[in-house]
Amino acid sequence: MHIRFFAAAAAATGVEEQRVDLATLAESTPFTLADLSAFLVESFPVSASSHTPPLAEVLTRCSFLVNEVSTRDLAQALTSGDVVDVLPPFAGG
């Protein structure tokens, strides 16, 4: 699975992209967006930026794209080929 972080999520993680082997993560079936969120919080417990809150806090305000389709449904099942974009609120218009 390919995860892409934007704006505050990228600042909190210190990376813009991460590849995750779903086969090694999937303790539950199906592996959901909620499971991925928990994994990311565990993987990035401290913010990489002194000006950005930790990812756990940022994720509470995020929306997600799964394969370019917007979702806030944390029960959505994910597969190994998915691309997940983590999108914090953006300023401006």
PDB file of N, CA and C in Angstrom:
ATOM      1  N   MET A   1       0.851  -1.161   0.000  1.00  0.00           N
ATOM      2  CA  MET A   1       0.000   0.000   0.000  1.00  0.00           C
ATOM      3  C   MET A   1       0.900   1.228   0.000  1.00  0.00           C
ATOM      4  N   HIS A   2       0.466   2.231  -0.700  1.00  0.00           N
ATOM      5  CA  HIS A   2       1.222   3.475  -0.817  1.00  0.00           C
ATOM      6  C   HIS A   2       0.457   4.561  -0.065  1.00  0.00           C
ATOM      7  N   ILE A   3       1.120   5.206   0.884  1.00  0.00           N
ATOM      8  CA  ILE A   3       0.499   6.266   1.673  1.00  0.00           C
ATOM      9  C   ILE A   3       1.207   7.567   1.341  1.00  0.00           C
ATOM     10  N   ARG A   4       0.418   8.596   1.055  1.00  0.00           N
ATOM     11  CA  ARG A   4       0.988   9.914   0.765  1.00  0.00           C
ATOM     12  C   ARG A   4       0.463  10.907   1.799  1.00  0.00           C
ATOM     13  N   PHE A   5       1.382  11.679   2.375  1.00  0.00           N
ATOM     14  CA  PHE A   5       1.052  12.656   3.405  1.00  0.00           C
ATOM     15  C   PHE A   5       1.148  14.064   2.818  1.00  0.00           C
ATOM     16  N   PHE A   6       0.205  14.907   3.167  1.00  0.00           N
ATOM     17  CA  PHE A   6       0.187  16.279   2.673  1.00  0.00           C
ATOM     18  C   PHE A   6       0.160  17.259   3.836  1.00  0.00           C
ATOM     19  N   ALA A   7       0.690  18.461   3.593  1.00  0.00           N
ATOM     20  CA  ALA A   7       0.616  19.599   4.514  1.00  0.00           C
ATOM     21  C   ALA A   7       1.033  19.197   5.932  1.00  0.00           C
ATOM     22  N   ALA A   8       0.172  19.424   6.922  1.00  0.00           N
ATOM     23  CA  ALA A   8       0.512  19.169   8.326  1.00  0.00           C
ATOM     24  C   ALA A   8       0.820  17.692   8.587  1.00  0.00           C
ATOM     25  N   ALA A   9       0.199  16.789   7.838  1.00  0.00           N
ATOM     26  CA  ALA A   9       0.493  15.361   8.012  1.00  0.00           C
ATOM     27  C   ALA A   9       1.927  15.057   7.584  1.00  0.00           C
ATOM     28  N   ALA A  10       2.374  15.675   6.507  1.00  0.00           N
ATOM     29  CA  ALA A  10       3.763  15.501   6.070  1.00  0.00           C
ATOM     30  C   ALA A  10       4.723  16.129   7.072  1.00  0.00           C
ATOM     31  N   ALA A  11       4.357  17.286   7.603  1.00  0.00           N
ATOM     32  CA  ALA A  11       5.209  17.937   8.607  1.00  0.00           C
ATOM     33  C   ALA A  11       5.291  17.090   9.874  1.00  0.00           C
ATOM     34  N   ALA A  12       4.184  16.510  10.290  1.00  0.00           N
ATOM     35  CA  ALA A  12       4.164  15.699  11.509  1.00  0.00           C
ATOM     36  C   ALA A  12       4.963  14.411  11.361  1.00  0.00           C
ATOM     37  N   THR A  13       4.919  13.805  10.175  1.00  0.00           N
ATOM     38  CA  THR A  13       5.633  12.545   9.956  1.00  0.00           C
ATOM     39  C   THR A  13       7.077  12.760   9.520  1.00  0.00           C
ATOM     40  N   GLY A  14       7.328  13.872   8.870  1.00  0.00           N
ATOM     41  CA  GLY A  14       8.663  14.115   8.328  1.00  0.00           C
ATOM     42  C   GLY A  14       8.889  13.441   6.994  1.00  0.00           C
ATOM     43  N   VAL A  15       7.837  12.847   6.434  1.00  0.00           N
ATOM     44  CA  VAL A  15       7.931  12.194   5.123  1.00  0.00           C
ATOM     45  C   VAL A  15       6.715  12.563   4.292  1.00  0.00           C
ATOM     46  N   GLU A  16       6.861  12.495   2.994  1.00  0.00           N
ATOM     47  CA  GLU A  16       5.728  12.746   2.110  1.00  0.00           C
ATOM     48  C   GLU A  16       5.077  11.463   1.635  1.00  0.00           C
ATOM     49  N   GLU A  17       5.819  10.362   1.679  1.00  0.00           N
ATOM     50  CA  GLU A  17       5.299   9.083   1.211  1.00  0.00           C
ATOM     51  C   GLU A  17       5.832   7.955   2.076  1.00  0.00           C
ATOM     52  N   GLN A  18       5.050   6.892   2.144  1.00  0.00           N
ATOM     53  CA  GLN A  18       5.494   5.689   2.831  1.00  0.00           C
ATOM     54  C   GLN A  18       4.839   4.496   2.154  1.00  0.00           C
ATOM     55  N   ARG A  19       5.598   3.460   1.970  1.00  0.00           N
ATOM     56  CA  ARG A  19       5.043   2.203   1.455  1.00  0.00           C
ATOM     57  C   ARG A  19       4.902   1.258   2.643  1.00  0.00           C
ATOM     58  N   VAL A  20       3.783   0.565   2.688  1.00  0.00           N
ATOM     59  CA  VAL A  20       3.496  -0.347   3.781  1.00  0.00           C
ATOM     60  C   VAL A  20       3.119  -1.696   3.182  1.00  0.00           C
ATOM     61  N   ASP A  21       3.724  -2.751   3.710  1.00  0.00           N
ATOM     62  CA  ASP A  21       3.385  -4.098   3.278  1.00  0.00           C
ATOM     63  C   ASP A  21       2.175  -4.553   4.078  1.00  0.00           C
ATOM     64  N   LEU A  22       1.035  -4.513   3.457  1.00  0.00           N
ATOM     65  CA  LEU A  22      -0.218  -4.831   4.138  1.00  0.00           C
ATOM     66  C   LEU A  22      -0.216  -6.257   4.675  1.00  0.00           C
ATOM     67  N   ALA A  23       0.451  -7.164   4.002  1.00  0.00           N
ATOM     68  CA  ALA A  23       0.476  -8.560   4.445  1.00  0.00           C
ATOM     69  C   ALA A  23       1.108  -8.705   5.825  1.00  0.00           C
ATOM     70  N   THR A  24       2.086  -7.858   6.151  1.00  0.00           N
ATOM     71  CA  THR A  24       2.719  -7.945   7.463  1.00  0.00           C
ATOM     72  C   THR A  24       1.930  -7.204   8.539  1.00  0.00           C
ATOM     73  N   LEU A  25       1.021  -6.317   8.132  1.00  0.00           N
ATOM     74  CA  LEU A  25       0.233  -5.525   9.074  1.00  0.00           C
ATOM     75  C   LEU A  25      -1.120  -6.117   9.407  1.00  0.00           C
ATOM     76  N   ALA A  26      -1.699  -6.794   8.465  1.00  0.00           N
ATOM     77  CA  ALA A  26      -3.103  -7.177   8.566  1.00  0.00           C
ATOM     78  C   ALA A  26      -3.318  -8.268   9.615  1.00  0.00           C
ATOM     79  N   GLU A  27      -3.464  -7.838  10.859  1.00  0.00           N
ATOM     80  CA  GLU A  27      -3.811  -8.769  11.923  1.00  0.00           C
ATOM     81  C   GLU A  27      -5.314  -9.021  11.913  1.00  0.00           C
ATOM     82  N   SER A  28      -6.051  -8.074  11.367  1.00  0.00           N
ATOM     83  CA  SER A  28      -7.497  -8.238  11.282  1.00  0.00           C
ATOM     84  C   SER A  28      -7.902  -8.275   9.813  1.00  0.00           C
ATOM     85  N   THR A  29      -9.001  -8.930   9.565  1.00  0.00           N
ATOM     86  CA  THR A  29      -9.537  -8.959   8.211  1.00  0.00           C
ATOM     87  C   THR A  29     -10.940  -8.441   8.270  1.00  0.00           C
ATOM     88  N   PRO A  30     -11.321  -7.464   7.558  1.00  0.00           N
ATOM     89  CA  PRO A  30     -10.454  -6.698   6.659  1.00  0.00           C
ATOM     90  C   PRO A  30      -9.603  -5.690   7.427  1.00  0.00           C
ATOM     91  N   PHE A  31      -8.518  -5.254   6.800  1.00  0.00           N
ATOM     92  CA  PHE A  31      -7.682  -4.188   7.327  1.00  0.00           C
ATOM     93  C   PHE A  31      -8.329  -2.883   6.883  1.00  0.00           C
ATOM     94  N   THR A  32      -8.685  -2.055   7.835  1.00  0.00           N
ATOM     95  CA  THR A  32      -9.489  -0.872   7.535  1.00  0.00           C
ATOM     96  C   THR A  32      -8.682   0.416   7.616  1.00  0.00           C
ATOM     97  N   LEU A  33      -9.307   1.479   7.211  1.00  0.00           N
ATOM     98  CA  LEU A  33      -8.704   2.802   7.330  1.00  0.00           C
ATOM     99  C   LEU A  33      -8.447   3.134   8.799  1.00  0.00           C
ATOM    100  N   ALA A  34      -9.310   2.691   9.698  1.00  0.00           N
ATOM    101  CA  ALA A  34      -9.085   2.874  11.142  1.00  0.00           C
ATOM    102  C   ALA A  34      -7.831   2.124  11.590  1.00  0.00           C
ATOM    103  N   ASP A  35      -7.628   0.903  11.080  1.00  0.00           N
ATOM    104  CA  ASP A  35      -6.425   0.134  11.404  1.00  0.00           C
ATOM    105  C   ASP A  35      -5.180   0.856  10.895  1.00  0.00           C
ATOM    106  N   LEU A  36      -5.266   1.396   9.685  1.00  0.00           N
ATOM    107  CA  LEU A  36      -4.139   2.136   9.129  1.00  0.00           C
ATOM    108  C   LEU A  36      -3.846   3.372   9.970  1.00  0.00           C
ATOM    109  N   SER A  37      -4.874   4.092  10.376  1.00  0.00           N
ATOM    110  CA  SER A  37      -4.685   5.278  11.210  1.00  0.00           C
ATOM    111  C   SER A  37      -3.974   4.914  12.506  1.00  0.00           C
ATOM    112  N   ALA A  38      -4.395   3.834  13.143  1.00  0.00           N
ATOM    113  CA  ALA A  38      -3.754   3.388  14.386  1.00  0.00           C
ATOM    114  C   ALA A  38      -2.292   3.024  14.144  1.00  0.00           C
ATOM    115  N   PHE A  39      -2.009   2.352  13.032  1.00  0.00           N
ATOM    116  CA  PHE A  39      -0.634   2.004  12.682  1.00  0.00           C
ATOM    117  C   PHE A  39       0.212   3.261  12.487  1.00  0.00           C
ATOM    118  N   LEU A  40      -0.337   4.252  11.811  1.00  0.00           N
ATOM    119  CA  LEU A  40       0.410   5.483  11.560  1.00  0.00           C
ATOM    120  C   LEU A  40       0.686   6.243  12.857  1.00  0.00           C
ATOM    121  N   VAL A  41      -0.285   6.291  13.754  1.00  0.00           N
ATOM    122  CA  VAL A  41      -0.093   6.960  15.046  1.00  0.00           C
ATOM    123  C   VAL A  41       1.024   6.263  15.822  1.00  0.00           C
ATOM    124  N   GLU A  42       1.032   4.928  15.773  1.00  0.00           N
ATOM    125  CA  GLU A  42       2.079   4.156  16.447  1.00  0.00           C
ATOM    126  C   GLU A  42       3.439   4.373  15.787  1.00  0.00           C
ATOM    127  N   SER A  43       3.441   4.481  14.469  1.00  0.00           N
ATOM    128  CA  SER A  43       4.695   4.650  13.724  1.00  0.00           C
ATOM    129  C   SER A  43       5.307   6.041  13.887  1.00  0.00           C
ATOM    130  N   PHE A  44       4.450   7.052  14.093  1.00  0.00           N
ATOM    131  CA  PHE A  44       4.905   8.435  14.209  1.00  0.00           C
ATOM    132  C   PHE A  44       4.343   9.051  15.496  1.00  0.00           C
ATOM    133  N   PRO A  45       4.835   8.603  16.664  1.00  0.00           N
ATOM    134  CA  PRO A  45       4.264   9.074  17.931  1.00  0.00           C
ATOM    135  C   PRO A  45       4.601  10.526  18.270  1.00  0.00           C
ATOM    136  N   VAL A  46       5.690  11.032  17.707  1.00  0.00           N
ATOM    137  CA  VAL A  46       6.150  12.390  17.989  1.00  0.00           C
ATOM    138  C   VAL A  46       6.243  13.140  16.670  1.00  0.00           C
ATOM    139  N   SER A  47       5.872  14.396  16.680  1.00  0.00           N
ATOM    140  CA  SER A  47       5.939  15.190  15.464  1.00  0.00           C
ATOM    141  C   SER A  47       7.387  15.416  15.038  1.00  0.00           C
ATOM    142  N   ALA A  48       7.611  15.352  13.751  1.00  0.00           N
ATOM    143  CA  ALA A  48       8.934  15.630  13.197  1.00  0.00           C
ATOM    144  C   ALA A  48       9.208  17.128  13.136  1.00  0.00           C
ATOM    145  N   SER A  49       8.184  17.939  13.360  1.00  0.00           N
ATOM    146  CA  SER A  49       8.301  19.393  13.295  1.00  0.00           C
ATOM    147  C   SER A  49       7.912  20.008  14.633  1.00  0.00           C
ATOM    148  N   SER A  50       8.732  20.927  15.109  1.00  0.00           N
ATOM    149  CA  SER A  50       8.415  21.593  16.372  1.00  0.00           C
ATOM    150  C   SER A  50       7.217  22.530  16.235  1.00  0.00           C
ATOM    151  N   HIS A  51       6.799  22.812  15.004  1.00  0.00           N
ATOM    152  CA  HIS A  51       5.681  23.724  14.752  1.00  0.00           C
ATOM    153  C   HIS A  51       4.379  22.995  14.411  1.00  0.00           C
ATOM    154  N   THR A  52       4.407  21.671  14.443  1.00  0.00           N
ATOM    155  CA  THR A  52       3.246  20.875  14.044  1.00  0.00           C
ATOM    156  C   THR A  52       2.899  19.895  15.160  1.00  0.00           C
ATOM    157  N   PRO A  53       1.616  19.743  15.478  1.00  0.00           N
ATOM    158  CA  PRO A  53       1.244  18.758  16.493  1.00  0.00           C
ATOM    159  C   PRO A  53       1.554  17.343  16.015  1.00  0.00           C
ATOM    160  N   PRO A  54       1.572  16.381  16.919  1.00  0.00           N
ATOM    161  CA  PRO A  54       1.828  14.997  16.512  1.00  0.00           C
ATOM    162  C   PRO A  54       0.742  14.480  15.563  1.00  0.00           C
ATOM    163  N   LEU A  55       1.091  13.462  14.817  1.00  0.00           N
ATOM    164  CA  LEU A  55       0.182  12.913  13.816  1.00  0.00           C
ATOM    165  C   LEU A  55      -1.148  12.483  14.431  1.00  0.00           C
ATOM    166  N   ALA A  56      -1.139  11.957  15.641  1.00  0.00           N
ATOM    167  CA  ALA A  56      -2.393  11.547  16.291  1.00  0.00           C
ATOM    168  C   ALA A  56      -3.381  12.699  16.344  1.00  0.00           C
ATOM    169  N   GLU A  57      -2.896  13.886  16.629  1.00  0.00           N
ATOM    170  CA  GLU A  57      -3.773  15.062  16.682  1.00  0.00           C
ATOM    171  C   GLU A  57      -4.168  15.528  15.287  1.00  0.00           C
ATOM    172  N   VAL A  58      -3.226  15.504  14.364  1.00  0.00           N
ATOM    173  CA  VAL A  58      -3.498  15.929  12.989  1.00  0.00           C
ATOM    174  C   VAL A  58      -4.558  15.028  12.348  1.00  0.00           C
ATOM    175  N   LEU A  59      -4.468  13.730  12.588  1.00  0.00           N
ATOM    176  CA  LEU A  59      -5.403  12.781  11.962  1.00  0.00           C
ATOM    177  C   LEU A  59      -6.854  13.016  12.362  1.00  0.00           C
ATOM    178  N   THR A  60      -7.086  13.601  13.526  1.00  0.00           N
ATOM    179  CA  THR A  60      -8.466  13.843  13.954  1.00  0.00           C
ATOM    180  C   THR A  60      -9.178  14.835  13.052  1.00  0.00           C
ATOM    181  N   ARG A  61      -8.407  15.621  12.306  1.00  0.00           N
ATOM    182  CA  ARG A  61      -8.992  16.626  11.412  1.00  0.00           C
ATOM    183  C   ARG A  61      -8.845  16.264   9.936  1.00  0.00           C
ATOM    184  N   CYS A  62      -8.256  15.122   9.660  1.00  0.00           N
ATOM    185  CA  CYS A  62      -7.954  14.749   8.275  1.00  0.00           C
ATOM    186  C   CYS A  62      -9.127  14.088   7.568  1.00  0.00           C
ATOM    187  N   SER A  63      -9.092  14.242   6.259  1.00  0.00           N
ATOM    188  CA  SER A  63      -9.920  13.413   5.397  1.00  0.00           C
ATOM    189  C   SER A  63      -8.945  12.543   4.608  1.00  0.00           C
ATOM    190  N   PHE A  64      -9.484  11.577   3.907  1.00  0.00           N
ATOM    191  CA  PHE A  64      -8.639  10.624   3.194  1.00  0.00           C
ATOM    192  C   PHE A  64      -9.144  10.439   1.774  1.00  0.00           C
ATOM    193  N   LEU A  65      -8.211  10.177   0.889  1.00  0.00           N
ATOM    194  CA  LEU A  65      -8.537   9.698  -0.446  1.00  0.00           C
ATOM    195  C   LEU A  65      -8.018   8.271  -0.518  1.00  0.00           C
ATOM    196  N   VAL A  66      -8.861   7.362  -0.960  1.00  0.00           N
ATOM    197  CA  VAL A  66      -8.428   5.996  -1.211  1.00  0.00           C
ATOM    198  C   VAL A  66      -8.601   5.777  -2.700  1.00  0.00           C
ATOM    199  N   ASN A  67      -7.479   5.624  -3.375  1.00  0.00           N
ATOM    200  CA  ASN A  67      -7.477   5.493  -4.834  1.00  0.00           C
ATOM    201  C   ASN A  67      -8.208   6.664  -5.490  1.00  0.00           C
ATOM    202  N   GLU A  68      -7.905   7.866  -4.975  1.00  0.00           N
ATOM    203  CA  GLU A  68      -8.404   9.141  -5.491  1.00  0.00           C
ATOM    204  C   GLU A  68      -9.886   9.397  -5.234  1.00  0.00           C
ATOM    205  N   VAL A  69     -10.496   8.609  -4.335  1.00  0.00           N
ATOM    206  CA  VAL A  69     -11.896   8.806  -3.968  1.00  0.00           C
ATOM    207  C   VAL A  69     -11.947   9.225  -2.501  1.00  0.00           C
ATOM    208  N   SER A  70     -12.598  10.351  -2.243  1.00  0.00           N
ATOM    209  CA  SER A  70     -12.680  10.891  -0.892  1.00  0.00           C
ATOM    210  C   SER A  70     -13.509   9.993   0.025  1.00  0.00           C
ATOM    211  N   THR A  71     -13.010   9.807   1.249  1.00  0.00           N
ATOM    212  CA  THR A  71     -13.756   9.049   2.244  1.00  0.00           C
ATOM    213  C   THR A  71     -13.404   9.527   3.645  1.00  0.00           C
ATOM    214  N   ARG A  72     -14.363   9.477   4.526  1.00  0.00           N
ATOM    215  CA  ARG A  72     -14.148   9.682   5.962  1.00  0.00           C
ATOM    216  C   ARG A  72     -14.578   8.424   6.718  1.00  0.00           C
ATOM    217  N   ASP A  73     -14.947   7.383   5.971  1.00  0.00           N
ATOM    218  CA  ASP A  73     -15.412   6.128   6.554  1.00  0.00           C
ATOM    219  C   ASP A  73     -14.219   5.302   7.018  1.00  0.00           C
ATOM    220  N   LEU A  74     -13.963   5.336   8.317  1.00  0.00           N
ATOM    221  CA  LEU A  74     -12.810   4.616   8.864  1.00  0.00           C
ATOM    222  C   LEU A  74     -12.999   3.101   8.819  1.00  0.00           C
ATOM    223  N   ALA A  75     -14.201   2.629   8.505  1.00  0.00           N
ATOM    224  CA  ALA A  75     -14.450   1.190   8.382  1.00  0.00           C
ATOM    225  C   ALA A  75     -14.148   0.678   6.974  1.00  0.00           C
ATOM    226  N   GLN A  76     -13.743   1.569   6.087  1.00  0.00           N
ATOM    227  CA  GLN A  76     -13.457   1.152   4.714  1.00  0.00           C
ATOM    228  C   GLN A  76     -12.292   0.171   4.699  1.00  0.00           C
ATOM    229  N   ALA A  77     -12.495  -0.949   4.039  1.00  0.00           N
ATOM    230  CA  ALA A  77     -11.453  -1.965   3.901  1.00  0.00           C
ATOM    231  C   ALA A  77     -10.404  -1.509   2.887  1.00  0.00           C
ATOM    232  N   LEU A  78      -9.151  -1.825   3.185  1.00  0.00           N
ATOM    233  CA  LEU A  78      -8.041  -1.466   2.308  1.00  0.00           C
ATOM    234  C   LEU A  78      -7.391  -2.728   1.764  1.00  0.00           C
ATOM    235  N   THR A  79      -6.784  -2.595   0.588  1.00  0.00           N
ATOM    236  CA  THR A  79      -6.061  -3.716  -0.019  1.00  0.00           C
ATOM    237  C   THR A  79      -4.624  -3.297  -0.296  1.00  0.00           C
ATOM    238  N   SER A  80      -3.792  -4.265  -0.590  1.00  0.00           N
ATOM    239  CA  SER A  80      -2.359  -3.998  -0.741  1.00  0.00           C
ATOM    240  C   SER A  80      -2.034  -3.047  -1.885  1.00  0.00           C
ATOM    241  N   GLY A  81      -2.863  -2.972  -2.903  1.00  0.00           N
ATOM    242  CA  GLY A  81      -2.594  -2.095  -4.038  1.00  0.00           C
ATOM    243  C   GLY A  81      -3.135  -0.691  -3.889  1.00  0.00           C
ATOM    244  N   ASP A  82      -3.770  -0.385  -2.772  1.00  0.00           N
ATOM    245  CA  ASP A  82      -4.396   0.931  -2.595  1.00  0.00           C
ATOM    246  C   ASP A  82      -3.381   2.048  -2.418  1.00  0.00           C
ATOM    247  N   VAL A  83      -3.797   3.244  -2.845  1.00  0.00           N
ATOM    248  CA  VAL A  83      -3.062   4.475  -2.581  1.00  0.00           C
ATOM    249  C   VAL A  83      -3.939   5.289  -1.648  1.00  0.00           C
ATOM    250  N   VAL A  84      -3.397   5.634  -0.483  1.00  0.00           N
ATOM    251  CA  VAL A  84      -4.152   6.389   0.525  1.00  0.00           C
ATOM    252  C   VAL A  84      -3.484   7.737   0.705  1.00  0.00           C
ATOM    253  N   ASP A  85      -4.237   8.799   0.477  1.00  0.00           N
ATOM    254  CA  ASP A  85      -3.754  10.166   0.702  1.00  0.00           C
ATOM    255  C   ASP A  85      -4.319  10.663   2.019  1.00  0.00           C
ATOM    256  N   VAL A  86      -3.439  11.203   2.874  1.00  0.00           N
ATOM    257  CA  VAL A  86      -3.835  11.760   4.160  1.00  0.00           C
ATOM    258  C   VAL A  86      -3.873  13.272   3.990  1.00  0.00           C
ATOM    259  N   LEU A  87      -5.073  13.839   4.089  1.00  0.00           N
ATOM    260  CA  LEU A  87      -5.307  15.247   3.760  1.00  0.00           C
ATOM    261  C   LEU A  87      -5.808  16.051   4.955  1.00  0.00           C
ATOM    262  N   PRO A  88      -4.927  16.824   5.586  1.00  0.00           N
ATOM    263  CA  PRO A  88      -5.390  17.738   6.622  1.00  0.00           C
ATOM    264  C   PRO A  88      -6.172  18.871   5.978  1.00  0.00           C
ATOM    265  N   PRO A  89      -6.919  19.636   6.770  1.00  0.00           N
ATOM    266  CA  PRO A  89      -7.596  20.791   6.196  1.00  0.00           C
ATOM    267  C   PRO A  89      -6.573  21.762   5.623  1.00  0.00           C
ATOM    268  N   PHE A  90      -6.902  22.333   4.497  1.00  0.00           N
ATOM    269  CA  PHE A  90      -6.021  23.288   3.845  1.00  0.00           C
ATOM    270  C   PHE A  90      -6.599  24.680   4.005  1.00  0.00           C
ATOM    271  N   ALA A  91      -5.751  25.662   4.178  1.00  0.00           N
ATOM    272  CA  ALA A  91      -6.197  27.060   4.230  1.00  0.00           C
ATOM    273  C   ALA A  91      -6.356  27.599   2.816  1.00  0.00           C
ATOM    274  N   GLY A  92      -7.117  28.619   2.671  1.00  0.00           N
ATOM    275  CA  GLY A  92      -7.263  29.253   1.361  1.00  0.00           C
ATOM    276  C   GLY A  92      -8.429  28.671   0.594  1.00  0.00           C
ATOM    277  N   GLY A  93      -8.480  28.952  -0.650  1.00  0.00           N
ATOM    278  CA  GLY A  93      -9.607  28.470  -1.430  1.00  0.00           C
ATOM    279  C   GLY A  93      -9.262  28.478  -2.824  1.00  0.00           C
TER     280      GLY A  93
END
